Amino acid sequence: VLIPEINLNDTFDTFALDFTREKKLLECLDYLTAPNPPTI
């Protein structure tokens, strides 16, 4: 008779996507340049 357990908070938290790092990498995409020479 009691109301069965209802879980309406079942979210898609397992599918949380964070593309922050990838976006930064793509925004920094550029030619490779040679490193500056060292300072003796």
PDB file of all heavy atoms in Angstrom:
ATOM      1  N   VAL A   1       0.833  -1.193   0.000  1.00  0.00           N
ATOM      2  CA  VAL A   1       0.000   0.000   0.000  1.00  0.00           C
ATOM      3  C   VAL A   1       0.872   1.249   0.000  1.00  0.00           C
ATOM      4  O   VAL A   1       0.511   2.268  -0.561  1.00  0.00           O
ATOM      5  CB  VAL A   1      -0.945  -0.002   1.217  1.00  0.00           C
ATOM      6  CG1 VAL A   1      -1.722   1.305   1.310  1.00  0.00           C
ATOM      7  CG2 VAL A   1      -1.908  -1.163   1.114  1.00  0.00           C
ATOM      8  N   LEU A   2       2.023   1.144   0.648  1.00  0.00           N
ATOM      9  CA  LEU A   2       2.904   2.304   0.732  1.00  0.00           C
ATOM     10  C   LEU A   2       3.401   2.687  -0.661  1.00  0.00           C
ATOM     11  O   LEU A   2       3.549   1.845  -1.542  1.00  0.00           O
ATOM     12  CB  LEU A   2       4.100   2.001   1.632  1.00  0.00           C
ATOM     13  CG  LEU A   2       3.765   1.652   3.078  1.00  0.00           C
ATOM     14  CD1 LEU A   2       5.033   1.280   3.814  1.00  0.00           C
ATOM     15  CD2 LEU A   2       3.074   2.812   3.761  1.00  0.00           C
ATOM     16  N   ILE A   3       3.653   3.948  -0.844  1.00  0.00           N
ATOM     17  CA  ILE A   3       4.139   4.428  -2.140  1.00  0.00           C
ATOM     18  C   ILE A   3       5.540   3.877  -2.366  1.00  0.00           C
ATOM     19  O   ILE A   3       6.414   3.995  -1.504  1.00  0.00           O
ATOM     20  CB  ILE A   3       4.163   5.971  -2.173  1.00  0.00           C
ATOM     21  CG1 ILE A   3       2.744   6.499  -2.005  1.00  0.00           C
ATOM     22  CG2 ILE A   3       4.795   6.482  -3.454  1.00  0.00           C
ATOM     23  CD1 ILE A   3       2.653   8.000  -1.869  1.00  0.00           C
ATOM     24  N   PRO A   4       5.778   3.268  -3.523  1.00  0.00           N
ATOM     25  CA  PRO A   4       7.121   2.736  -3.800  1.00  0.00           C
ATOM     26  C   PRO A   4       8.129   3.870  -3.950  1.00  0.00           C
ATOM     27  O   PRO A   4       7.750   5.016  -4.200  1.00  0.00           O
ATOM     28  CB  PRO A   4       6.938   1.974  -5.113  1.00  0.00           C
ATOM     29  CG  PRO A   4       5.756   2.599  -5.753  1.00  0.00           C
ATOM     30  CD  PRO A   4       4.872   3.071  -4.636  1.00  0.00           C
ATOM     31  N   GLU A   5       9.370   3.515  -3.818  1.00  0.00           N
ATOM     32  CA  GLU A   5      10.432   4.509  -3.924  1.00  0.00           C
ATOM     33  C   GLU A   5      10.476   5.057  -5.347  1.00  0.00           C
ATOM     34  O   GLU A   5      10.546   4.310  -6.318  1.00  0.00           O
ATOM     35  CB  GLU A   5      11.783   3.881  -3.578  1.00  0.00           C
ATOM     36  CG  GLU A   5      12.925   4.860  -3.621  1.00  0.00           C
ATOM     37  CD  GLU A   5      14.253   4.221  -3.272  1.00  0.00           C
ATOM     38  OE1 GLU A   5      14.259   3.228  -2.541  1.00  0.00           O
ATOM     39  OE2 GLU A   5      15.271   4.722  -3.764  1.00  0.00           O
ATOM     40  N   ILE A   6      10.407   6.365  -5.447  1.00  0.00           N
ATOM     41  CA  ILE A   6      10.452   7.013  -6.757  1.00  0.00           C
ATOM     42  C   ILE A   6      11.716   7.854  -6.807  1.00  0.00           C
ATOM     43  O   ILE A   6      11.979   8.660  -5.919  1.00  0.00           O
ATOM     44  CB  ILE A   6       9.217   7.909  -6.976  1.00  0.00           C
ATOM     45  CG1 ILE A   6       7.945   7.063  -6.931  1.00  0.00           C
ATOM     46  CG2 ILE A   6       9.323   8.645  -8.302  1.00  0.00           C
ATOM     47  CD1 ILE A   6       6.673   7.876  -6.974  1.00  0.00           C
ATOM     48  N   ASN A   7      12.503   7.658  -7.848  1.00  0.00           N
ATOM     49  CA  ASN A   7      13.750   8.391  -7.990  1.00  0.00           C
ATOM     50  C   ASN A   7      13.642   9.305  -9.206  1.00  0.00           C
ATOM     51  O   ASN A   7      13.928   8.901 -10.321  1.00  0.00           O
ATOM     52  CB  ASN A   7      14.921   7.416  -8.142  1.00  0.00           C
ATOM     53  CG  ASN A   7      16.251   8.138  -8.148  1.00  0.00           C
ATOM     54  OD1 ASN A   7      16.312   9.334  -7.908  1.00  0.00           O
ATOM     55  ND2 ASN A   7      17.313   7.414  -8.432  1.00  0.00           N
ATOM     56  N   LEU A   8      13.208  10.542  -8.957  1.00  0.00           N
ATOM     57  CA  LEU A   8      13.093  11.511 -10.049  1.00  0.00           C
ATOM     58  C   LEU A   8      14.380  12.297 -10.241  1.00  0.00           C
ATOM     59  O   LEU A   8      14.486  13.086 -11.161  1.00  0.00           O
ATOM     60  CB  LEU A   8      11.931  12.472  -9.773  1.00  0.00           C
ATOM     61  CG  LEU A   8      10.555  11.821  -9.693  1.00  0.00           C
ATOM     62  CD1 LEU A   8       9.508  12.868  -9.342  1.00  0.00           C
ATOM     63  CD2 LEU A   8      10.202  11.140 -10.997  1.00  0.00           C
ATOM     64  N   ASN A   9      15.328  12.098  -9.371  1.00  0.00           N
ATOM     65  CA  ASN A   9      16.594  12.831  -9.457  1.00  0.00           C
ATOM     66  C   ASN A   9      17.639  12.084 -10.260  1.00  0.00           C
ATOM     67  O   ASN A   9      18.813  12.401 -10.188  1.00  0.00           O
ATOM     68  CB  ASN A   9      17.136  13.123  -8.051  1.00  0.00           C
ATOM     69  CG  ASN A   9      16.229  14.049  -7.287  1.00  0.00           C
ATOM     70  OD1 ASN A   9      15.610  14.915  -7.869  1.00  0.00           O
ATOM     71  ND2 ASN A   9      16.134  13.841  -5.987  1.00  0.00           N
ATOM     72  N   ASP A  10      17.216  11.082 -10.998  1.00  0.00           N
ATOM     73  CA  ASP A  10      18.151  10.315 -11.814  1.00  0.00           C
ATOM     74  C   ASP A  10      18.597  11.201 -12.974  1.00  0.00           C
ATOM     75  O   ASP A  10      17.845  11.431 -13.912  1.00  0.00           O
ATOM     76  CB  ASP A  10      17.463   9.046 -12.324  1.00  0.00           C
ATOM     77  CG  ASP A  10      18.464   8.030 -12.831  1.00  0.00           C
ATOM     78  OD1 ASP A  10      19.668   8.225 -12.611  1.00  0.00           O
ATOM     79  OD2 ASP A  10      18.037   7.048 -13.454  1.00  0.00           O
ATOM     80  N   THR A  11      19.795  11.739 -12.875  1.00  0.00           N
ATOM     81  CA  THR A  11      20.264  12.691 -13.869  1.00  0.00           C
ATOM     82  C   THR A  11      21.341  12.075 -14.737  1.00  0.00           C
ATOM     83  O   THR A  11      21.742  10.932 -14.549  1.00  0.00           O
ATOM     84  CB  THR A  11      20.852  13.936 -13.169  1.00  0.00           C
ATOM     85  OG1 THR A  11      21.974  13.513 -12.385  1.00  0.00           O
ATOM     86  CG2 THR A  11      19.819  14.620 -12.296  1.00  0.00           C
ATOM     87  N   PHE A  12      21.810  12.850 -15.672  1.00  0.00           N
ATOM     88  CA  PHE A  12      22.861  12.400 -16.575  1.00  0.00           C
ATOM     89  C   PHE A  12      24.230  12.878 -16.080  1.00  0.00           C
ATOM     90  O   PHE A  12      25.089  13.246 -16.866  1.00  0.00           O
ATOM     91  CB  PHE A  12      22.592  12.937 -17.983  1.00  0.00           C
ATOM     92  CG  PHE A  12      21.568  12.140 -18.731  1.00  0.00           C
ATOM     93  CD1 PHE A  12      20.218  12.369 -18.548  1.00  0.00           C
ATOM     94  CD2 PHE A  12      21.955  11.156 -19.614  1.00  0.00           C
ATOM     95  CE1 PHE A  12      19.274  11.632 -19.238  1.00  0.00           C
ATOM     96  CE2 PHE A  12      21.014  10.416 -20.307  1.00  0.00           C
ATOM     97  CZ  PHE A  12      19.671  10.650 -20.124  1.00  0.00           C
ATOM     98  N   ASP A  13      24.425  12.865 -14.762  1.00  0.00           N
ATOM     99  CA  ASP A  13      25.698  13.310 -14.199  1.00  0.00           C
ATOM    100  C   ASP A  13      26.866  12.467 -14.699  1.00  0.00           C
ATOM    101  O   ASP A  13      27.989  12.941 -14.769  1.00  0.00           O
ATOM    102  CB  ASP A  13      25.658  13.275 -12.666  1.00  0.00           C
ATOM    103  CG  ASP A  13      24.761  14.368 -12.112  1.00  0.00           C
ATOM    104  OD1 ASP A  13      24.454  15.314 -12.857  1.00  0.00           O
ATOM    105  OD2 ASP A  13      24.360  14.273 -10.944  1.00  0.00           O
ATOM    106  N   THR A  14      26.581  11.214 -15.021  1.00  0.00           N
ATOM    107  CA  THR A  14      27.664  10.359 -15.518  1.00  0.00           C
ATOM    108  C   THR A  14      28.120  10.806 -16.897  1.00  0.00           C
ATOM    109  O   THR A  14      29.159  10.381 -17.367  1.00  0.00           O
ATOM    110  CB  THR A  14      27.214   8.895 -15.588  1.00  0.00           C
ATOM    111  OG1 THR A  14      26.036   8.828 -16.397  1.00  0.00           O
ATOM    112  CG2 THR A  14      26.935   8.336 -14.213  1.00  0.00           C
ATOM    113  N   PHE A  15      27.335  11.683 -17.525  1.00  0.00           N
ATOM    114  CA  PHE A  15      27.690  12.158 -18.851  1.00  0.00           C
ATOM    115  C   PHE A  15      28.128  13.618 -18.821  1.00  0.00           C
ATOM    116  O   PHE A  15      27.947  14.330 -19.793  1.00  0.00           O
ATOM    117  CB  PHE A  15      26.506  11.989 -19.808  1.00  0.00           C
ATOM    118  CG  PHE A  15      26.180  10.556 -20.081  1.00  0.00           C
ATOM    119  CD1 PHE A  15      25.068   9.969 -19.511  1.00  0.00           C
ATOM    120  CD2 PHE A  15      26.982   9.782 -20.894  1.00  0.00           C
ATOM    121  CE1 PHE A  15      24.752   8.654 -19.759  1.00  0.00           C
ATOM    122  CE2 PHE A  15      26.686   8.462 -21.141  1.00  0.00           C
ATOM    123  CZ  PHE A  15      25.567   7.894 -20.580  1.00  0.00           C
ATOM    124  N   ALA A  16      28.646  14.057 -17.707  1.00  0.00           N
ATOM    125  CA  ALA A  16      29.123  15.436 -17.613  1.00  0.00           C
ATOM    126  C   ALA A  16      30.307  15.605 -18.558  1.00  0.00           C
ATOM    127  O   ALA A  16      31.263  14.843 -18.520  1.00  0.00           O
ATOM    128  CB  ALA A  16      29.530  15.751 -16.180  1.00  0.00           C
ATOM    129  N   LEU A  17      30.211  16.583 -19.421  1.00  0.00           N
ATOM    130  CA  LEU A  17      31.259  16.823 -20.404  1.00  0.00           C
ATOM    131  C   LEU A  17      31.937  18.146 -20.114  1.00  0.00           C
ATOM    132  O   LEU A  17      31.282  19.146 -19.845  1.00  0.00           O
ATOM    133  CB  LEU A  17      30.651  16.858 -21.817  1.00  0.00           C
ATOM    134  CG  LEU A  17      29.952  15.584 -22.258  1.00  0.00           C
ATOM    135  CD1 LEU A  17      29.241  15.807 -23.593  1.00  0.00           C
ATOM    136  CD2 LEU A  17      30.941  14.452 -22.396  1.00  0.00           C
ATOM    137  N   ASP A  18      33.248  18.144 -20.171  1.00  0.00           N
ATOM    138  CA  ASP A  18      34.018  19.364 -19.953  1.00  0.00           C
ATOM    139  C   ASP A  18      35.072  19.451 -21.053  1.00  0.00           C
ATOM    140  O   ASP A  18      36.035  18.680 -21.063  1.00  0.00           O
ATOM    141  CB  ASP A  18      34.672  19.348 -18.579  1.00  0.00           C
ATOM    142  CG  ASP A  18      35.464  20.617 -18.300  1.00  0.00           C
ATOM    143  OD1 ASP A  18      35.313  21.605 -19.064  1.00  0.00           O
ATOM    144  OD2 ASP A  18      36.234  20.638 -17.327  1.00  0.00           O
ATOM    145  N   PHE A  19      34.863  20.360 -21.980  1.00  0.00           N
ATOM    146  CA  PHE A  19      35.784  20.515 -23.104  1.00  0.00           C
ATOM    147  C   PHE A  19      36.689  21.728 -22.937  1.00  0.00           C
ATOM    148  O   PHE A  19      37.280  22.192 -23.898  1.00  0.00           O
ATOM    149  CB  PHE A  19      34.990  20.661 -24.413  1.00  0.00           C
ATOM    150  CG  PHE A  19      34.258  19.415 -24.807  1.00  0.00           C
ATOM    151  CD1 PHE A  19      32.880  19.372 -24.775  1.00  0.00           C
ATOM    152  CD2 PHE A  19      34.951  18.290 -25.192  1.00  0.00           C
ATOM    153  CE1 PHE A  19      32.197  18.227 -25.144  1.00  0.00           C
ATOM    154  CE2 PHE A  19      34.282  17.143 -25.554  1.00  0.00           C
ATOM    155  CZ  PHE A  19      32.902  17.102 -25.536  1.00  0.00           C
ATOM    156  N   THR A  20      36.820  22.221 -21.724  1.00  0.00           N
ATOM    157  CA  THR A  20      37.616  23.423 -21.473  1.00  0.00           C
ATOM    158  C   THR A  20      39.054  23.252 -21.958  1.00  0.00           C
ATOM    159  O   THR A  20      39.593  24.106 -22.668  1.00  0.00           O
ATOM    160  CB  THR A  20      37.604  23.755 -19.965  1.00  0.00           C
ATOM    161  OG1 THR A  20      36.251  23.807 -19.525  1.00  0.00           O
ATOM    162  CG2 THR A  20      38.292  25.068 -19.691  1.00  0.00           C
ATOM    163  N   ARG A  21      39.666  22.137 -21.570  1.00  0.00           N
ATOM    164  CA  ARG A  21      41.066  21.896 -21.943  1.00  0.00           C
ATOM    165  C   ARG A  21      41.213  21.788 -23.454  1.00  0.00           C
ATOM    166  O   ARG A  21      42.116  22.385 -24.048  1.00  0.00           O
ATOM    167  CB  ARG A  21      41.555  20.616 -21.260  1.00  0.00           C
ATOM    168  CG  ARG A  21      43.015  20.293 -21.501  1.00  0.00           C
ATOM    169  CD  ARG A  21      43.408  19.043 -20.740  1.00  0.00           C
ATOM    170  NE  ARG A  21      42.497  17.959 -21.025  1.00  0.00           N
ATOM    171  CZ  ARG A  21      42.846  16.816 -21.615  1.00  0.00           C
ATOM    172  NH1 ARG A  21      44.090  16.593 -21.934  1.00  0.00           N
ATOM    173  NH2 ARG A  21      41.963  15.885 -21.877  1.00  0.00           N
ATOM    174  N   GLU A  22      40.300  21.052 -24.097  1.00  0.00           N
ATOM    175  CA  GLU A  22      40.374  20.858 -25.536  1.00  0.00           C
ATOM    176  C   GLU A  22      40.168  22.178 -26.285  1.00  0.00           C
ATOM    177  O   GLU A  22      40.839  22.454 -27.274  1.00  0.00           O
ATOM    178  CB  GLU A  22      39.333  19.824 -25.991  1.00  0.00           C
ATOM    179  CG  GLU A  22      39.650  18.401 -25.575  1.00  0.00           C
ATOM    180  CD  GLU A  22      39.317  18.084 -24.119  1.00  0.00           C
ATOM    181  OE1 GLU A  22      38.742  18.961 -23.422  1.00  0.00           O
ATOM    182  OE2 GLU A  22      39.643  16.976 -23.671  1.00  0.00           O
ATOM    183  N   LYS A  23      39.242  23.007 -25.783  1.00  0.00           N
ATOM    184  CA  LYS A  23      39.006  24.300 -26.419  1.00  0.00           C
ATOM    185  C   LYS A  23      40.251  25.172 -26.336  1.00  0.00           C
ATOM    186  O   LYS A  23      40.635  25.821 -27.314  1.00  0.00           O
ATOM    187  CB  LYS A  23      37.826  25.014 -25.755  1.00  0.00           C
ATOM    188  CG  LYS A  23      36.478  24.425 -26.113  1.00  0.00           C
ATOM    189  CD  LYS A  23      35.366  25.134 -25.354  1.00  0.00           C
ATOM    190  CE  LYS A  23      34.031  24.475 -25.602  1.00  0.00           C
ATOM    191  NZ  LYS A  23      32.956  25.080 -24.793  1.00  0.00           N
ATOM    192  N   LYS A  24      40.888  25.171 -25.165  1.00  0.00           N
ATOM    193  CA  LYS A  24      42.110  25.968 -25.006  1.00  0.00           C
ATOM    194  C   LYS A  24      43.196  25.482 -25.952  1.00  0.00           C
ATOM    195  O   LYS A  24      43.905  26.283 -26.562  1.00  0.00           O
ATOM    196  CB  LYS A  24      42.602  25.917 -23.561  1.00  0.00           C
ATOM    197  CG  LYS A  24      41.796  26.768 -22.626  1.00  0.00           C
ATOM    198  CD  LYS A  24      42.343  26.710 -21.216  1.00  0.00           C
ATOM    199  CE  LYS A  24      41.467  27.517 -20.269  1.00  0.00           C
ATOM    200  NZ  LYS A  24      41.913  27.414 -18.887  1.00  0.00           N
ATOM    201  N   LEU A  25      43.333  24.155 -26.059  1.00  0.00           N
ATOM    202  CA  LEU A  25      44.347  23.609 -26.963  1.00  0.00           C
ATOM    203  C   LEU A  25      44.065  24.004 -28.414  1.00  0.00           C
ATOM    204  O   LEU A  25      44.979  24.374 -29.148  1.00  0.00           O
ATOM    205  CB  LEU A  25      44.387  22.075 -26.853  1.00  0.00           C
ATOM    206  CG  LEU A  25      45.017  21.511 -25.580  1.00  0.00           C
ATOM    207  CD1 LEU A  25      44.819  20.006 -25.509  1.00  0.00           C
ATOM    208  CD2 LEU A  25      46.497  21.846 -25.533  1.00  0.00           C
ATOM    209  N   LEU A  26      42.810  23.934 -28.810  1.00  0.00           N
ATOM    210  CA  LEU A  26      42.464  24.304 -30.182  1.00  0.00           C
ATOM    211  C   LEU A  26      42.652  25.799 -30.423  1.00  0.00           C
ATOM    212  O   LEU A  26      43.081  26.208 -31.503  1.00  0.00           O
ATOM    213  CB  LEU A  26      41.028  23.881 -30.509  1.00  0.00           C
ATOM    214  CG  LEU A  26      40.823  22.376 -30.672  1.00  0.00           C
ATOM    215  CD1 LEU A  26      39.341  22.057 -30.816  1.00  0.00           C
ATOM    216  CD2 LEU A  26      41.604  21.832 -31.850  1.00  0.00           C
ATOM    217  N   GLU A  27      42.340  26.616 -29.417  1.00  0.00           N
ATOM    218  CA  GLU A  27      42.521  28.054 -29.564  1.00  0.00           C
ATOM    219  C   GLU A  27      44.001  28.422 -29.657  1.00  0.00           C
ATOM    220  O   GLU A  27      44.356  29.418 -30.283  1.00  0.00           O
ATOM    221  CB  GLU A  27      41.871  28.793 -28.397  1.00  0.00           C
ATOM    222  CG  GLU A  27      40.357  28.785 -28.470  1.00  0.00           C
ATOM    223  CD  GLU A  27      39.696  29.280 -27.193  1.00  0.00           C
ATOM    224  OE1 GLU A  27      40.403  29.533 -26.194  1.00  0.00           O
ATOM    225  OE2 GLU A  27      38.457  29.390 -27.193  1.00  0.00           O
ATOM    226  N   CYS A  28      44.860  27.624 -29.064  1.00  0.00           N
ATOM    227  CA  CYS A  28      46.301  27.893 -29.086  1.00  0.00           C
ATOM    228  C   CYS A  28      46.983  27.261 -30.291  1.00  0.00           C
ATOM    229  O   CYS A  28      48.200  27.371 -30.437  1.00  0.00           O
ATOM    230  CB  CYS A  28      46.961  27.382 -27.805  1.00  0.00           C
ATOM    231  SG  CYS A  28      46.423  28.260 -26.335  1.00  0.00           S
ATOM    232  N   LEU A  29      46.217  26.606 -31.135  1.00  0.00           N
ATOM    233  CA  LEU A  29      46.771  25.926 -32.301  1.00  0.00           C
ATOM    234  C   LEU A  29      47.471  26.943 -33.195  1.00  0.00           C
ATOM    235  O   LEU A  29      46.884  27.941 -33.602  1.00  0.00           O
ATOM    236  CB  LEU A  29      45.631  25.236 -33.066  1.00  0.00           C
ATOM    237  CG  LEU A  29      46.007  24.247 -34.146  1.00  0.00           C
ATOM    238  CD1 LEU A  29      46.760  23.075 -33.522  1.00  0.00           C
ATOM    239  CD2 LEU A  29      44.765  23.739 -34.829  1.00  0.00           C
ATOM    240  N   ASP A  30      48.739  26.711 -33.469  1.00  0.00           N
ATOM    241  CA  ASP A  30      49.528  27.636 -34.274  1.00  0.00           C
ATOM    242  C   ASP A  30      50.745  26.901 -34.803  1.00  0.00           C
ATOM    243  O   ASP A  30      50.972  25.732 -34.487  1.00  0.00           O
ATOM    244  CB  ASP A  30      49.956  28.838 -33.421  1.00  0.00           C
ATOM    245  CG  ASP A  30      50.284  30.058 -34.275  1.00  0.00           C
ATOM    246  OD1 ASP A  30      50.280  29.949 -35.523  1.00  0.00           O
ATOM    247  OD2 ASP A  30      50.542  31.118 -33.692  1.00  0.00           O
ATOM    248  N   TYR A  31      51.543  27.581 -35.583  1.00  0.00           N
ATOM    249  CA  TYR A  31      52.790  26.998 -36.064  1.00  0.00           C
ATOM    250  C   TYR A  31      53.696  26.675 -34.894  1.00  0.00           C
ATOM    251  O   TYR A  31      53.701  27.386 -33.886  1.00  0.00           O
ATOM    252  CB  TYR A  31      53.553  27.994 -36.949  1.00  0.00           C
ATOM    253  CG  TYR A  31      53.038  28.085 -38.355  1.00  0.00           C
ATOM    254  CD1 TYR A  31      52.331  29.202 -38.774  1.00  0.00           C
ATOM    255  CD2 TYR A  31      53.269  27.071 -39.270  1.00  0.00           C
ATOM    256  CE1 TYR A  31      51.859  29.305 -40.067  1.00  0.00           C
ATOM    257  CE2 TYR A  31      52.796  27.168 -40.556  1.00  0.00           C
ATOM    258  CZ  TYR A  31      52.097  28.285 -40.952  1.00  0.00           C
ATOM    259  OH  TYR A  31      51.636  28.374 -42.217  1.00  0.00           O
ATOM    260  N   LEU A  32      54.463  25.624 -35.035  1.00  0.00           N
ATOM    261  CA  LEU A  32      55.495  25.355 -34.045  1.00  0.00           C
ATOM    262  C   LEU A  32      56.639  26.309 -34.316  1.00  0.00           C
ATOM    263  O   LEU A  32      57.019  26.529 -35.463  1.00  0.00           O
ATOM    264  CB  LEU A  32      55.994  23.912 -34.156  1.00  0.00           C
ATOM    265  CG  LEU A  32      55.012  22.827 -33.764  1.00  0.00           C
ATOM    266  CD1 LEU A  32      55.626  21.460 -34.005  1.00  0.00           C
ATOM    267  CD2 LEU A  32      54.657  22.967 -32.301  1.00  0.00           C
ATOM    268  N   THR A  33      57.173  26.882 -33.270  1.00  0.00           N
ATOM    269  CA  THR A  33      58.306  27.774 -33.429  1.00  0.00           C
ATOM    270  C   THR A  33      59.475  27.213 -32.645  1.00  0.00           C
ATOM    271  O   THR A  33      59.292  26.508 -31.650  1.00  0.00           O
ATOM    272  CB  THR A  33      57.979  29.187 -32.899  1.00  0.00           C
ATOM    273  OG1 THR A  33      57.537  29.074 -31.559  1.00  0.00           O
ATOM    274  CG2 THR A  33      56.898  29.842 -33.729  1.00  0.00           C
ATOM    275  N   ALA A  34      60.656  27.534 -33.120  1.00  0.00           N
ATOM    276  CA  ALA A  34      61.861  27.049 -32.453  1.00  0.00           C
ATOM    277  C   ALA A  34      61.994  27.756 -31.108  1.00  0.00           C
ATOM    278  O   ALA A  34      61.616  28.922 -30.964  1.00  0.00           O
ATOM    279  CB  ALA A  34      63.084  27.329 -33.309  1.00  0.00           C
ATOM    280  N   PRO A  35      62.503  27.068 -30.126  1.00  0.00           N
ATOM    281  CA  PRO A  35      62.677  27.711 -28.825  1.00  0.00           C
ATOM    282  C   PRO A  35      63.762  28.780 -28.883  1.00  0.00           C
ATOM    283  O   PRO A  35      64.643  28.748 -29.738  1.00  0.00           O
ATOM    284  CB  PRO A  35      63.094  26.555 -27.912  1.00  0.00           C
ATOM    285  CG  PRO A  35      63.646  25.522 -28.820  1.00  0.00           C
ATOM    286  CD  PRO A  35      62.926  25.676 -30.125  1.00  0.00           C
ATOM    287  N   ASN A  36      63.664  29.718 -27.974  1.00  0.00           N
ATOM    288  CA  ASN A  36      64.692  30.755 -27.887  1.00  0.00           C
ATOM    289  C   ASN A  36      65.995  30.124 -27.425  1.00  0.00           C
ATOM    290  O   ASN A  36      65.988  29.159 -26.644  1.00  0.00           O
ATOM    291  CB  ASN A  36      64.261  31.838 -26.903  1.00  0.00           C
ATOM    292  CG  ASN A  36      63.040  32.585 -27.389  1.00  0.00           C
ATOM    293  OD1 ASN A  36      62.849  32.753 -28.587  1.00  0.00           O
ATOM    294  ND2 ASN A  36      62.196  33.025 -26.466  1.00  0.00           N
ATOM    295  N   PRO A  37      67.104  30.663 -27.871  1.00  0.00           N
ATOM    296  CA  PRO A  37      68.381  30.100 -27.412  1.00  0.00           C
ATOM    297  C   PRO A  37      68.566  30.362 -25.921  1.00  0.00           C
ATOM    298  O   PRO A  37      68.032  31.327 -25.381  1.00  0.00           O
ATOM    299  CB  PRO A  37      69.425  30.852 -28.243  1.00  0.00           C
ATOM    300  CG  PRO A  37      68.753  32.105 -28.666  1.00  0.00           C
ATOM    301  CD  PRO A  37      67.286  31.778 -28.784  1.00  0.00           C
ATOM    302  N   PRO A  38      69.322  29.515 -25.256  1.00  0.00           N
ATOM    303  CA  PRO A  38      69.521  29.718 -23.824  1.00  0.00           C
ATOM    304  C   PRO A  38      70.439  30.916 -23.568  1.00  0.00           C
ATOM    305  O   PRO A  38      71.182  31.347 -24.427  1.00  0.00           O
ATOM    306  CB  PRO A  38      70.191  28.419 -23.387  1.00  0.00           C
ATOM    307  CG  PRO A  38      70.909  27.949 -24.596  1.00  0.00           C
ATOM    308  CD  PRO A  38      70.049  28.357 -25.764  1.00  0.00           C
ATOM    309  N   THR A  39      70.389  31.407 -22.346  1.00  0.00           N
ATOM    310  CA  THR A  39      71.262  32.493 -21.922  1.00  0.00           C
ATOM    311  C   THR A  39      72.403  31.881 -21.124  1.00  0.00           C
ATOM    312  O   THR A  39      72.171  31.197 -20.121  1.00  0.00           O
ATOM    313  CB  THR A  39      70.486  33.485 -21.028  1.00  0.00           C
ATOM    314  OG1 THR A  39      69.331  33.936 -21.748  1.00  0.00           O
ATOM    315  CG2 THR A  39      71.342  34.660 -20.630  1.00  0.00           C
ATOM    316  N   ILE A  40      73.620  32.081 -21.602  1.00  0.00           N
ATOM    317  CA  ILE A  40      74.800  31.548 -20.916  1.00  0.00           C
ATOM    318  C   ILE A  40      75.035  32.384 -19.665  1.00  0.00           C
ATOM    319  O   ILE A  40      75.066  33.609 -19.708  1.00  0.00           O
ATOM    320  CB  ILE A  40      76.054  31.603 -21.823  1.00  0.00           C
ATOM    321  CG1 ILE A  40      75.816  30.868 -23.151  1.00  0.00           C
ATOM    322  CG2 ILE A  40      77.271  31.052 -21.083  1.00  0.00           C
ATOM    323  CD1 ILE A  40      75.628  29.387 -23.031  1.00  0.00           C
TER     324      ILE A  40
END
